[in-house]
């Protein structure tokens, strides 16, 4: 029997009820919340927490690239923070202003050994080490969560999300697969009366998206009957790591993507003819949308 202290118990004990399984990412995929969360919550708190007002223009540009407009889109907040700082530090126009760019040594070391990248896991590490870099990262992360709670309200799901969820009822076990804190996920899905469509809401506290799929779906359903829906390369990677199907919600064309999913992809999935040429075409289009290198490296 799974120990009650196991944070992933709900994943391990997930009960199959149908032949099909569908995992759906939340931020930027089901909900149009990526832009507002990063531009109004994450980035202002980076500038404030790390005293980077002198180069705020560049912090915004770099952080938006990392989290919204590159192949890093959807990255967990902690490695995303470190990557933002690293890209900021390589820009000559930033260095000329001589800001105090944090080394984040403690945070980097934690990221190398941590198995779960969440506030609770970070708190436990702080209790064990007292590392000042980790304390600052946690304060930033908690400030981000407060900003999201205050700011991100009344943001409905994209058109055709609800219709798609309704079409899944009675046919598939549906789960939210996300790197967002669970509290925010539950709040957002409850606000729009969508929790009744899903069997489980899995956030960052329950591990990575790859783990979410591995513990709930892999081995319980036939691989061709498992589908991950997401808007970021990390979603695609989680699906590929588990040998399951992937449907991309294209950044910048989310409404068209969900309409295509509702009218074409979902019926194909249930009919058993989504994989192959059709899925390959969806992924090919998706992979061309997000660059790997920032524009300023070419100027």
Protein backbone atom coordinates (compact mmCIF):
# COMPACT_ATOMS: atom_id res chain seq x y z
CA UNK A 1 0.00 0.00 0.00
CA UNK A 2 1.29 3.45 -0.89
CA UNK A 3 2.50 5.42 2.12
CA UNK A 4 0.23 8.35 2.96
CA UNK A 5 3.25 10.67 2.99
CA UNK A 6 3.97 9.95 -0.67
CA UNK A 7 3.16 13.19 -2.53
CA UNK A 8 2.60 11.17 -5.71
CA UNK A 9 0.12 8.79 -4.13
CA UNK A 10 -2.78 10.21 -6.13
CA UNK A 11 -0.87 9.46 -9.34
CA UNK A 12 0.13 5.94 -8.35
CA UNK A 13 -3.42 5.14 -7.24
CA UNK A 14 -5.10 6.64 -10.31
CA UNK A 15 -7.96 4.34 -11.29
CA UNK A 16 -8.62 3.60 -14.94
CA UNK A 17 -12.30 3.96 -15.87
CA UNK A 18 -12.17 4.11 -19.68
CA UNK A 19 -10.09 2.75 -22.55
CA UNK A 20 -8.64 6.17 -23.43
CA UNK A 21 -6.53 8.63 -21.42
CA UNK A 22 -6.04 12.33 -22.21
CA UNK A 23 -3.64 14.62 -20.34
CA UNK A 24 -4.12 18.36 -20.80
CA UNK A 25 -1.72 21.15 -19.88
CA UNK A 26 -3.30 24.23 -18.33
CA UNK A 27 -1.40 27.54 -18.63
CA UNK A 28 -1.18 28.65 -22.25
CA UNK A 29 -2.91 25.49 -23.38
CA UNK A 30 -6.40 25.25 -21.87
CA UNK A 31 -6.28 28.80 -20.48
CA UNK A 32 -4.92 32.02 -21.98
CA UNK A 33 -2.91 32.71 -18.83
CA UNK A 34 0.74 32.41 -19.92
CA UNK A 35 1.14 36.00 -21.07
CA UNK A 36 -0.51 37.63 -18.07
CA UNK A 37 1.24 35.41 -15.54
CA UNK A 38 4.71 36.00 -16.90
CA UNK A 39 4.39 39.64 -17.92
CA UNK A 40 2.44 40.82 -14.86
CA UNK A 41 3.52 38.37 -12.14
CA UNK A 42 6.75 36.47 -12.79
CA UNK A 43 8.84 39.17 -14.44
CA UNK A 44 8.00 42.12 -12.16
CA UNK A 45 8.91 39.96 -9.19
CA UNK A 46 12.24 38.98 -10.76
CA UNK A 47 13.06 42.67 -11.12
CA UNK A 48 11.95 43.44 -7.57
CA UNK A 49 13.34 40.38 -5.77
CA UNK A 50 16.75 40.54 -7.46
CA UNK A 51 17.02 44.35 -7.62
CA UNK A 52 17.32 44.52 -11.40
CA UNK A 53 15.41 47.74 -12.05
CA UNK A 54 18.44 49.25 -13.81
CA UNK A 55 18.11 46.67 -16.58
CA UNK A 56 14.37 46.00 -16.35
CA UNK A 57 13.91 46.39 -20.12
CA UNK A 58 16.32 43.55 -20.77
CA UNK A 59 14.99 41.38 -17.95
CA UNK A 60 11.56 41.57 -19.57
CA UNK A 61 12.92 40.80 -23.03
CA UNK A 62 14.99 37.84 -21.84
CA UNK A 63 12.35 36.39 -19.52
CA UNK A 64 9.65 36.65 -22.19
CA UNK A 65 11.91 34.83 -24.63
CA UNK A 66 12.64 32.05 -22.15
CA UNK A 67 9.12 31.49 -20.90
CA UNK A 68 6.89 32.47 -23.82
CA UNK A 69 8.60 32.77 -27.20
CA UNK A 70 11.23 30.03 -27.40
CA UNK A 71 11.63 26.29 -27.22
CA UNK A 72 12.02 26.75 -23.47
CA UNK A 73 8.34 27.78 -23.26
CA UNK A 74 6.67 26.01 -20.36
CA UNK A 75 9.91 25.47 -18.42
CA UNK A 76 9.57 25.06 -14.65
CA UNK A 77 9.88 28.41 -12.89
CA UNK A 78 13.15 27.67 -11.07
CA UNK A 79 15.32 26.55 -14.01
CA UNK A 80 13.54 29.25 -16.01
CA UNK A 81 14.73 31.85 -13.49
CA UNK A 82 18.33 30.64 -13.73
CA UNK A 83 18.23 30.59 -17.53
CA UNK A 84 16.84 34.12 -17.57
CA UNK A 85 19.71 35.33 -15.41
CA UNK A 86 22.27 33.49 -17.56
CA UNK A 87 20.97 34.99 -20.81
CA UNK A 88 20.80 38.41 -19.18
CA UNK A 89 24.43 38.15 -18.11
CA UNK A 90 25.66 37.47 -21.65
CA UNK A 91 24.22 40.66 -23.13
CA UNK A 92 26.81 43.44 -23.58
CA UNK A 93 24.21 46.19 -23.23
CA UNK A 94 23.34 44.79 -19.81
CA UNK A 95 26.94 44.41 -18.65
CA UNK A 96 27.73 48.00 -19.62
CA UNK A 97 25.26 49.13 -16.95
CA UNK A 98 27.09 47.05 -14.35
CA UNK A 99 24.09 45.64 -12.53
CA UNK A 100 24.56 43.21 -9.66
CA UNK A 101 23.64 39.96 -11.39
CA UNK A 102 23.06 37.20 -8.83
CA UNK A 103 25.22 34.09 -9.02
CA UNK A 104 22.43 31.85 -7.64
CA UNK A 105 25.00 29.19 -6.70
CA UNK A 106 22.78 27.56 -4.11
CA UNK A 107 19.80 27.44 -6.44
CA UNK A 108 21.89 25.95 -9.24
CA UNK A 109 23.20 23.23 -6.93
CA UNK A 110 19.69 22.42 -5.73
CA UNK A 111 18.44 22.13 -9.32
CA UNK A 112 21.16 19.57 -10.04
CA UNK A 113 20.07 17.25 -7.22
CA UNK A 114 16.35 17.96 -6.77
CA UNK A 115 13.79 15.47 -8.03
CA UNK A 116 10.78 17.78 -7.58
CA UNK A 117 10.94 21.48 -8.39
CA UNK A 118 8.23 23.03 -6.24
CA UNK A 119 7.84 25.39 -3.32
CA UNK A 120 7.32 22.56 -0.79
CA UNK A 121 10.46 20.79 -2.02
CA UNK A 122 12.39 24.07 -1.85
CA UNK A 123 11.16 24.72 1.70
CA UNK A 124 12.38 21.30 2.77
CA UNK A 125 15.80 22.02 1.28
CA UNK A 126 15.96 25.35 3.08
CA UNK A 127 15.17 23.65 6.38
CA UNK A 128 18.02 21.23 5.73
CA UNK A 129 20.62 23.73 4.48
CA UNK A 130 19.57 27.29 5.35
CA UNK A 131 21.05 28.37 2.00
CA UNK A 132 20.49 32.09 1.39
CA UNK A 133 20.10 31.65 -2.39
CA UNK A 134 17.29 29.18 -1.79
CA UNK A 135 15.62 31.52 0.69
CA UNK A 136 15.63 34.30 -1.90
CA UNK A 137 14.31 31.98 -4.62
CA UNK A 138 11.48 30.85 -2.36
CA UNK A 139 10.59 34.43 -1.46
CA UNK A 140 10.47 35.26 -5.17
CA UNK A 141 8.36 32.20 -5.95
CA UNK A 142 5.90 32.92 -3.15
CA UNK A 143 5.65 36.55 -4.30
CA UNK A 144 4.85 35.28 -7.80
CA UNK A 145 2.08 33.09 -6.40
CA UNK A 146 0.60 36.01 -4.49
CA UNK A 147 0.67 38.17 -7.62
CA UNK A 148 -1.03 35.45 -9.63
CA UNK A 149 -3.73 35.07 -6.99
CA UNK A 150 -4.39 38.81 -7.04
CA UNK A 151 -4.10 39.34 -10.80
CA UNK A 152 -5.14 36.27 -12.75
CA UNK A 153 -8.90 36.15 -12.40
CA UNK A 154 -11.80 35.79 -14.81
CA UNK A 155 -9.60 34.33 -17.57
CA UNK A 156 -11.79 31.76 -19.31
CA UNK A 157 -10.57 28.71 -21.21
CA UNK A 158 -9.90 29.07 -24.90
CA UNK A 159 -12.89 28.54 -27.19
CA UNK A 160 -13.53 24.84 -27.91
CA UNK A 161 -11.82 23.70 -24.69
CA UNK A 162 -15.11 23.16 -22.89
CA UNK A 163 -16.65 21.57 -25.98
CA UNK A 164 -13.67 19.23 -26.25
CA UNK A 165 -13.90 18.27 -22.58
CA UNK A 166 -17.59 17.54 -23.03
CA UNK A 167 -16.78 15.27 -25.99
CA UNK A 168 -14.32 13.31 -23.85
CA UNK A 169 -16.92 12.46 -21.22
CA UNK A 170 -17.72 8.77 -21.04
CA UNK A 171 -14.88 7.94 -23.44
CA UNK A 172 -11.62 8.96 -21.78
CA UNK A 173 -10.04 9.44 -18.37
CA UNK A 174 -8.92 13.08 -18.38
CA UNK A 175 -6.19 14.63 -16.22
CA UNK A 176 -4.64 18.08 -15.94
CA UNK A 177 -0.87 17.65 -16.46
CA UNK A 178 0.92 20.84 -15.47
CA UNK A 179 4.04 22.42 -13.98
CA UNK A 180 1.90 25.08 -12.30
CA UNK A 181 1.37 24.92 -8.51
CA UNK A 182 -1.65 22.78 -7.69
CA UNK A 183 -3.41 25.49 -5.72
CA UNK A 184 -3.52 27.80 -8.74
CA UNK A 185 -4.67 25.00 -11.01
CA UNK A 186 -7.56 24.02 -8.77
CA UNK A 187 -8.59 27.65 -8.36
CA UNK A 188 -8.61 28.32 -12.10
CA UNK A 189 -10.38 25.11 -13.10
CA UNK A 190 -12.96 25.54 -10.32
CA UNK A 191 -13.59 29.18 -11.25
CA UNK A 192 -14.81 28.07 -14.67
CA UNK A 193 -16.65 24.92 -13.53
CA UNK A 194 -14.27 22.57 -15.34
CA UNK A 195 -13.15 20.32 -12.49
CA UNK A 196 -16.06 17.97 -13.14
CA UNK A 197 -14.55 17.06 -16.50
CA UNK A 198 -11.24 15.80 -15.09
CA UNK A 199 -10.38 12.89 -12.83
CA UNK A 200 -7.24 14.49 -11.36
CA UNK A 201 -5.40 17.81 -11.36
CA UNK A 202 -1.63 17.29 -11.19
CA UNK A 203 0.65 20.26 -10.56
CA UNK A 204 4.35 20.77 -9.89
CA UNK A 205 4.14 19.31 -6.38
CA UNK A 206 3.43 15.88 -7.89
CA UNK A 207 6.55 15.88 -10.03
CA UNK A 208 7.26 16.57 -13.69
CA UNK A 209 4.82 16.13 -16.55
CA UNK A 210 6.81 13.10 -17.62
CA UNK A 211 6.21 11.57 -14.18
CA UNK A 212 2.52 12.48 -14.27
CA UNK A 213 2.04 10.49 -17.46
CA UNK A 214 4.31 7.65 -16.41
CA UNK A 215 2.57 7.06 -13.08
CA UNK A 216 -1.04 7.44 -14.21
CA UNK A 217 -1.20 6.30 -17.83
CA UNK A 218 1.83 4.36 -19.04
CA UNK A 219 1.23 0.65 -18.66
CA UNK A 220 -2.46 1.10 -17.82
CA UNK A 221 -3.67 2.01 -21.30
CA UNK A 222 -2.53 1.01 -24.75
CA UNK A 223 0.03 3.61 -25.94
CA UNK A 224 -2.07 4.59 -28.97
CA UNK A 225 -4.94 5.36 -26.59
CA UNK A 226 -2.96 7.88 -24.52
CA UNK A 227 -2.84 11.50 -25.70
CA UNK A 228 -1.04 14.51 -24.26
CA UNK A 229 -2.33 17.96 -25.25
CA UNK A 230 0.07 20.84 -24.69
CA UNK A 231 1.47 24.11 -25.97
CA UNK A 232 5.17 23.68 -25.15
CA UNK A 233 8.10 21.49 -26.22
CA UNK A 234 8.18 20.12 -22.68
CA UNK A 235 4.70 18.68 -23.20
CA UNK A 236 5.85 17.02 -26.40
CA UNK A 237 8.94 15.67 -24.64
CA UNK A 238 6.83 14.24 -21.80
CA UNK A 239 4.64 12.43 -24.33
CA UNK A 240 7.63 11.13 -26.29
CA UNK A 241 9.37 9.90 -23.13
CA UNK A 242 6.33 7.77 -22.35
CA UNK A 243 5.81 6.58 -25.93
CA UNK A 244 2.36 8.18 -26.22
CA UNK A 245 0.62 10.51 -28.67
CA UNK A 246 0.86 14.31 -28.66
CA UNK A 247 -1.40 17.07 -29.92
CA UNK A 248 0.11 20.58 -30.01
CA UNK A 249 -1.79 23.74 -29.20
CA UNK A 250 0.14 26.28 -31.28
CA UNK A 251 1.33 29.39 -29.40
CA UNK A 252 -0.34 32.37 -31.05
CA UNK A 253 -3.00 30.24 -32.76
CA UNK A 254 -4.61 28.62 -29.74
CA UNK A 255 -8.21 29.14 -30.83
CA UNK A 256 -7.59 27.59 -34.24
CA UNK A 257 -5.73 24.72 -32.57
CA UNK A 258 -8.60 23.93 -30.22
CA UNK A 259 -11.18 24.14 -32.99
CA UNK A 260 -9.06 21.74 -35.06
CA UNK A 261 -8.70 19.48 -32.05
CA UNK A 262 -12.45 19.44 -31.40
CA UNK A 263 -13.46 18.96 -35.03
CA UNK A 264 -10.64 16.74 -36.34
CA UNK A 265 -7.99 15.48 -33.94
CA UNK A 266 -10.18 14.27 -31.08
CA UNK A 267 -12.53 12.27 -33.32
CA UNK A 268 -9.47 10.77 -35.04
CA UNK A 269 -7.97 9.85 -31.68
CA UNK A 270 -11.10 8.00 -30.58
CA UNK A 271 -11.36 6.34 -34.01
CA UNK A 272 -7.77 5.12 -33.81
CA UNK A 273 -6.41 7.06 -36.80
CA UNK A 274 -4.77 10.09 -35.16
CA UNK A 275 -1.23 8.67 -35.04
CA UNK A 276 0.91 8.66 -38.14
CA UNK A 277 0.73 11.17 -40.96
CA UNK A 278 -1.92 13.36 -39.32
CA UNK A 279 -0.09 13.70 -35.99
CA UNK A 280 3.23 14.18 -37.74
CA UNK A 281 1.77 17.15 -39.64
CA UNK A 282 0.55 18.75 -36.41
CA UNK A 283 3.93 18.35 -34.75
CA UNK A 284 5.85 19.56 -37.80
CA UNK A 285 3.88 22.81 -37.82
CA UNK A 286 4.33 23.22 -34.06
CA UNK A 287 8.09 22.66 -34.09
CA UNK A 288 8.60 25.51 -36.55
CA UNK A 289 6.90 28.09 -34.33
CA UNK A 290 9.40 28.54 -31.49
CA UNK A 291 13.07 29.49 -31.96
CA UNK A 292 15.92 28.01 -29.96
CA UNK A 293 18.18 31.05 -30.06
CA UNK A 294 17.19 34.62 -29.08
CA UNK A 295 17.08 37.34 -31.71
CA UNK A 296 19.76 39.44 -30.00
CA UNK A 297 22.35 36.75 -30.70
CA UNK A 298 21.98 37.52 -34.39
CA UNK A 299 22.36 41.29 -34.09
